[in-house]
């Protein structure tokens, strides 16, 4: 059996998000189908329907947008039955281009937060581990051959942590990625294959990581949607003390950063006579500099 690392990215346009983050969540193959089934039940329990039926999907940027917190706080928690009824009404009105009522907005806000919290609970229950690498949004790619063709340092560290985890577990690991833009995806795969085929460390890590990613559409894959939520919460709510100082959204930091802290990979490694701790979430101030600078 194998682990699967479901991956997504956040802030890659370097505009509105505090950082650029790439990473995701791992699930063991034996836990995958139970997780998918539990996610399906959670979605229906939260919203009273499946969002795909209304031409939308589960995304961190939607579930946790500021206005949904505002809507949720407009009234005390609705009963499950009332929340689901009003959510269905809001979603139907969206297709009909009608304006929802205040209570329908309230229900949808509460359902969104329940869904997001429930997703983290399910990830934890199914043994998920979080891996991610963040870089400043101010970083720009230098006009060099190496920067264009080589796997960026933050991505190297991301796969390094995944390798550490797989080596410890003595399990192979697959890469499942959100399909976005085929041109960009092909470029990333080219850099990935080059790293795993042409570098000493890459070839060594290919002993456990299968460096041939599978691309899926996120609106058809619950685990990728869960990865999207985790990466979004890292961007807005998780900070490595003394290293990451960009703005946080307090409501995300308080509600979801503890889940990320609990589920990020944590291991111990040794290099020569030195033993050190290693974590699944890393910050790289400059992904184009030589290896020094990971935090």
Protein backbone atom coordinates (compact mmCIF):
# COMPACT_ATOMS: atom_id res chain seq x y z
CA UNK A 1 0.00 0.00 0.00
CA UNK A 2 1.03 3.62 -0.51
CA UNK A 3 0.46 7.14 0.69
CA UNK A 4 -0.98 9.80 -1.57
CA UNK A 5 0.01 13.45 -1.27
CA UNK A 6 -2.88 15.57 -2.53
CA UNK A 7 -1.46 18.93 -3.55
CA UNK A 8 -2.65 22.43 -4.30
CA UNK A 9 -1.26 25.94 -4.25
CA UNK A 10 -2.30 29.33 -2.90
CA UNK A 11 -1.16 32.85 -3.70
CA UNK A 12 0.74 31.96 -6.86
CA UNK A 13 -0.41 35.20 -8.52
CA UNK A 14 1.43 37.19 -5.78
CA UNK A 15 -1.47 39.65 -5.45
CA UNK A 16 -3.94 39.23 -2.61
CA UNK A 17 -2.52 36.46 -0.41
CA UNK A 18 0.24 36.98 2.18
CA UNK A 19 2.47 34.22 0.77
CA UNK A 20 2.82 31.78 -2.07
CA UNK A 21 2.25 28.32 -0.64
CA UNK A 22 2.39 24.91 -2.30
CA UNK A 23 1.68 21.68 -0.48
CA UNK A 24 -1.11 19.48 0.69
CA UNK A 25 -2.22 16.54 2.78
CA UNK A 26 -1.27 12.87 2.77
CA UNK A 27 -3.69 10.01 3.18
CA UNK A 28 -2.86 6.32 3.23
CA UNK A 29 -4.48 4.38 0.41
CA UNK A 30 -6.39 2.30 2.95
CA UNK A 31 -7.97 5.48 4.38
CA UNK A 32 -8.83 7.13 1.07
CA UNK A 33 -12.26 5.65 0.37
CA UNK A 34 -13.46 5.99 3.99
CA UNK A 35 -12.33 9.65 3.89
CA UNK A 36 -14.16 10.33 0.62
CA UNK A 37 -17.35 8.76 1.97
CA UNK A 38 -17.10 10.76 5.19
CA UNK A 39 -16.55 13.98 3.22
CA UNK A 40 -19.66 13.29 1.16
CA UNK A 41 -21.73 12.79 4.31
CA UNK A 42 -20.28 15.94 5.86
CA UNK A 43 -21.09 18.07 2.82
CA UNK A 44 -24.69 16.91 2.74
CA UNK A 45 -25.04 17.25 6.50
CA UNK A 46 -23.69 20.81 6.39
CA UNK A 47 -25.48 22.22 3.34
CA UNK A 48 -28.40 19.85 2.83
CA UNK A 49 -27.18 19.21 -0.72
CA UNK A 50 -24.02 18.82 -2.78
CA UNK A 51 -22.48 22.08 -3.99
CA UNK A 52 -21.54 20.61 -7.36
CA UNK A 53 -25.26 20.39 -8.14
CA UNK A 54 -25.32 24.19 -7.95
CA UNK A 55 -22.18 24.80 -10.06
CA UNK A 56 -19.88 25.54 -7.15
CA UNK A 57 -17.31 23.60 -5.14
CA UNK A 58 -15.61 23.34 -1.78
CA UNK A 59 -12.70 25.80 -1.73
CA UNK A 60 -10.94 27.39 1.21
CA UNK A 61 -11.22 30.85 -0.32
CA UNK A 62 -15.00 30.44 -0.48
CA UNK A 63 -15.72 28.53 2.72
CA UNK A 64 -13.65 30.95 4.79
CA UNK A 65 -14.14 34.26 3.01
CA UNK A 66 -14.70 37.12 5.43
CA UNK A 67 -18.36 37.62 4.62
CA UNK A 68 -19.20 34.03 5.53
CA UNK A 69 -17.90 34.59 9.05
CA UNK A 70 -20.05 37.74 9.14
CA UNK A 71 -23.12 35.87 7.91
CA UNK A 72 -22.60 33.06 10.41
CA UNK A 73 -22.51 35.54 13.30
CA UNK A 74 -25.76 37.28 12.34
CA UNK A 75 -27.79 34.95 14.58
CA UNK A 76 -27.39 32.09 17.06
CA UNK A 77 -26.66 28.69 15.59
CA UNK A 78 -29.60 27.34 13.62
CA UNK A 79 -30.81 23.79 14.07
CA UNK A 80 -29.39 21.29 11.59
CA UNK A 81 -32.73 20.99 9.81
CA UNK A 82 -33.23 24.76 9.55
CA UNK A 83 -29.65 25.33 8.37
CA UNK A 84 -29.94 22.75 5.61
CA UNK A 85 -33.35 24.02 4.48
CA UNK A 86 -32.17 27.61 4.19
CA UNK A 87 -28.91 26.59 2.49
CA UNK A 88 -30.84 24.75 -0.21
CA UNK A 89 -33.00 27.83 -0.70
CA UNK A 90 -29.95 30.09 -1.05
CA UNK A 91 -28.24 27.79 -3.53
CA UNK A 92 -31.40 27.47 -5.60
CA UNK A 93 -31.82 31.24 -5.66
CA UNK A 94 -28.25 31.53 -6.88
CA UNK A 95 -29.16 29.53 -9.98
CA UNK A 96 -32.30 31.61 -10.43
CA UNK A 97 -30.43 34.91 -9.95
CA UNK A 98 -32.62 35.83 -6.99
CA UNK A 99 -31.54 37.55 -3.78
CA UNK A 100 -31.45 35.30 -0.68
CA UNK A 101 -32.98 36.36 2.62
CA UNK A 102 -31.00 37.28 5.72
CA UNK A 103 -31.67 33.93 7.40
CA UNK A 104 -30.54 32.12 4.24
CA UNK A 105 -27.24 34.01 4.28
CA UNK A 106 -26.89 33.17 7.99
CA UNK A 107 -27.49 29.49 7.33
CA UNK A 108 -24.99 29.41 4.49
CA UNK A 109 -22.33 31.12 6.58
CA UNK A 110 -22.83 28.68 9.44
CA UNK A 111 -22.79 25.73 7.04
CA UNK A 112 -19.54 26.92 5.47
CA UNK A 113 -17.77 27.15 8.82
CA UNK A 114 -19.17 23.79 9.90
CA UNK A 115 -17.90 22.25 6.67
CA UNK A 116 -14.41 23.72 7.07
CA UNK A 117 -14.10 22.59 10.69
CA UNK A 118 -15.48 19.18 9.80
CA UNK A 119 -12.93 18.76 7.02
CA UNK A 120 -10.06 19.25 9.45
CA UNK A 121 -11.69 16.84 11.90
CA UNK A 122 -11.96 14.20 9.17
CA UNK A 123 -8.37 14.72 8.05
CA UNK A 124 -7.20 14.20 11.61
CA UNK A 125 -9.43 11.15 12.12
CA UNK A 126 -8.04 9.54 8.96
CA UNK A 127 -4.40 10.08 9.89
CA UNK A 128 -3.61 12.88 7.44
CA UNK A 129 -0.26 14.68 7.57
CA UNK A 130 0.29 18.22 6.30
CA UNK A 131 3.25 19.23 4.11
CA UNK A 132 3.74 22.71 2.68
CA UNK A 133 6.38 25.23 1.65
CA UNK A 134 5.79 28.98 1.79
CA UNK A 135 7.73 31.81 0.16
CA UNK A 136 7.24 35.60 0.28
CA UNK A 137 4.86 36.97 -2.30
CA UNK A 138 7.49 39.61 -3.14
CA UNK A 139 9.77 36.99 -4.70
CA UNK A 140 10.29 37.26 -8.44
CA UNK A 141 12.05 34.75 -10.67
CA UNK A 142 15.47 35.87 -11.89
CA UNK A 143 16.10 35.70 -15.65
CA UNK A 144 18.45 32.72 -15.51
CA UNK A 145 18.38 29.27 -17.05
CA UNK A 146 18.55 27.65 -13.63
CA UNK A 147 15.55 29.59 -12.34
CA UNK A 148 13.52 28.65 -15.39
CA UNK A 149 14.43 24.97 -15.66
CA UNK A 150 15.35 23.75 -12.17
CA UNK A 151 12.96 22.75 -9.40
CA UNK A 152 12.67 25.64 -7.00
CA UNK A 153 14.25 25.29 -3.56
CA UNK A 154 10.96 25.49 -1.66
CA UNK A 155 9.60 22.63 -3.75
CA UNK A 156 12.76 20.62 -3.09
CA UNK A 157 12.24 21.08 0.65
CA UNK A 158 8.58 20.13 0.33
CA UNK A 159 9.47 16.81 -1.30
CA UNK A 160 12.34 16.34 1.13
CA UNK A 161 9.86 16.37 4.03
CA UNK A 162 7.57 13.98 2.18
CA UNK A 163 10.53 11.67 1.62
CA UNK A 164 11.43 11.77 5.31
CA UNK A 165 7.87 10.74 6.17
CA UNK A 166 7.74 7.93 3.60
CA UNK A 167 11.15 6.61 4.60
CA UNK A 168 10.04 6.48 8.23
CA UNK A 169 6.82 4.69 7.31
CA UNK A 170 8.57 2.43 4.75
CA UNK A 171 5.84 3.19 2.23
CA UNK A 172 5.87 4.54 -1.31
CA UNK A 173 4.20 7.86 -2.01
CA UNK A 174 2.24 9.18 -4.98
CA UNK A 175 1.63 12.79 -6.00
CA UNK A 176 -1.93 13.90 -6.83
CA UNK A 177 -2.15 17.47 -8.08
CA UNK A 178 -4.92 19.91 -8.89
CA UNK A 179 -5.06 20.45 -12.63
CA UNK A 180 -5.01 24.18 -13.31
CA UNK A 181 -3.22 25.31 -16.46
CA UNK A 182 -1.78 22.59 -18.70
CA UNK A 183 1.15 24.72 -19.82
CA UNK A 184 2.16 25.52 -16.23
CA UNK A 185 1.53 21.92 -15.17
CA UNK A 186 3.82 20.62 -17.92
CA UNK A 187 6.57 23.02 -16.89
CA UNK A 188 6.31 21.88 -13.28
CA UNK A 189 6.41 18.20 -14.30
CA UNK A 190 9.48 18.86 -16.45
CA UNK A 191 11.32 20.44 -13.50
CA UNK A 192 10.13 17.68 -11.19
CA UNK A 193 11.33 14.90 -13.48
CA UNK A 194 14.66 16.65 -14.01
CA UNK A 195 15.22 16.90 -10.26
CA UNK A 196 14.37 13.27 -9.56
CA UNK A 197 16.36 11.95 -12.53
CA UNK A 198 19.41 14.21 -12.69
CA UNK A 199 20.33 15.07 -9.11
CA UNK A 200 21.83 12.76 -6.52
CA UNK A 201 19.30 13.65 -3.82
CA UNK A 202 16.43 13.42 -6.28
CA UNK A 203 17.42 9.92 -7.40
CA UNK A 204 17.77 8.85 -3.77
CA UNK A 205 14.34 10.22 -2.87
CA UNK A 206 12.74 8.51 -5.85
CA UNK A 207 13.25 5.30 -3.90
CA UNK A 208 10.09 6.23 -1.98
CA UNK A 209 8.46 9.09 -3.93
CA UNK A 210 6.97 8.20 -7.31
CA UNK A 211 7.86 11.38 -9.26
CA UNK A 212 5.10 11.01 -11.85
CA UNK A 213 2.20 13.15 -10.62
CA UNK A 214 -1.42 12.47 -11.46
CA UNK A 215 -3.56 15.50 -12.24
CA UNK A 216 -7.22 15.67 -11.26
CA UNK A 217 -9.98 18.26 -11.39
CA UNK A 218 -10.44 19.62 -7.88
CA UNK A 219 -14.22 19.85 -8.15
CA UNK A 220 -14.32 16.06 -8.55
CA UNK A 221 -11.86 15.11 -5.80
CA UNK A 222 -12.61 15.64 -2.11
CA UNK A 223 -8.99 15.09 -0.98
CA UNK A 224 -7.74 17.86 -3.28
CA UNK A 225 -10.45 20.13 -1.91
CA UNK A 226 -9.23 19.30 1.60
CA UNK A 227 -5.68 20.14 0.51
CA UNK A 228 -6.92 23.45 -0.89
CA UNK A 229 -8.49 24.31 2.47
CA UNK A 230 -5.34 23.39 4.39
CA UNK A 231 -3.08 25.46 2.12
CA UNK A 232 -5.46 28.43 2.29
CA UNK A 233 -5.41 28.27 6.10
CA UNK A 234 -1.61 28.11 6.14
CA UNK A 235 -1.50 31.23 3.99
CA UNK A 236 -3.86 33.23 6.21
CA UNK A 237 -3.51 31.69 9.65
CA UNK A 238 -0.32 29.68 10.24
CA UNK A 239 2.93 31.45 11.11
CA UNK A 240 6.36 30.13 12.04
CA UNK A 241 7.41 32.30 14.97
CA UNK A 242 10.11 34.81 14.18
CA UNK A 243 10.12 33.91 10.48
CA UNK A 244 6.74 34.61 8.93
CA UNK A 245 5.39 38.05 9.84
CA UNK A 246 2.81 38.84 7.18
CA UNK A 247 -0.75 39.77 8.10
CA UNK A 248 -2.98 37.04 9.51
CA UNK A 249 -6.72 36.72 9.67
CA UNK A 250 -7.37 36.23 13.37
CA UNK A 251 -10.46 34.08 12.88
CA UNK A 252 -8.55 31.61 10.71
CA UNK A 253 -5.50 31.61 13.01
CA UNK A 254 -7.59 30.88 16.10
CA UNK A 255 -9.90 28.26 14.58
CA UNK A 256 -7.64 26.39 12.17
CA UNK A 257 -3.93 26.96 12.95
CA UNK A 258 -4.10 24.49 15.88
CA UNK A 259 -5.28 21.79 13.47
CA UNK A 260 -2.37 22.53 11.14
CA UNK A 261 0.10 22.45 14.02
CA UNK A 262 -1.29 19.10 15.13
CA UNK A 263 -1.24 17.49 11.69
CA UNK A 264 1.97 18.78 10.17
CA UNK A 265 4.67 16.15 9.81
CA UNK A 266 7.17 16.07 12.67
CA UNK A 267 10.26 13.91 12.58
CA UNK A 268 13.84 13.62 13.77
CA UNK A 269 16.83 13.28 11.46
CA UNK A 270 20.57 13.10 11.88
CA UNK A 271 23.38 14.50 9.78
CA UNK A 272 26.76 13.22 10.90
CA UNK A 273 26.83 13.57 14.69
CA UNK A 274 24.06 16.17 14.70
CA UNK A 275 20.43 15.28 15.35
CA UNK A 276 17.70 17.75 14.45
CA UNK A 277 13.93 18.09 14.26
CA UNK A 278 12.17 18.49 10.95
CA UNK A 279 8.64 19.69 10.25
CA UNK A 280 6.19 19.40 7.39
CA UNK A 281 5.58 23.15 6.99
CA UNK A 282 8.65 25.16 5.94
CA UNK A 283 9.34 28.78 5.06
CA UNK A 284 11.93 29.67 2.42
CA UNK A 285 12.78 33.40 2.24
CA UNK A 286 14.41 33.10 -1.19
CA UNK A 287 13.65 29.99 -3.27
CA UNK A 288 16.29 30.87 -5.85
CA UNK A 289 19.27 31.05 -3.49
CA UNK A 290 21.48 28.02 -2.71
CA UNK A 291 20.35 25.57 -0.03
CA UNK A 292 20.93 27.82 2.99
CA UNK A 293 17.90 29.79 4.11
CA UNK A 294 15.24 27.19 4.88
CA UNK A 295 13.41 27.86 8.14
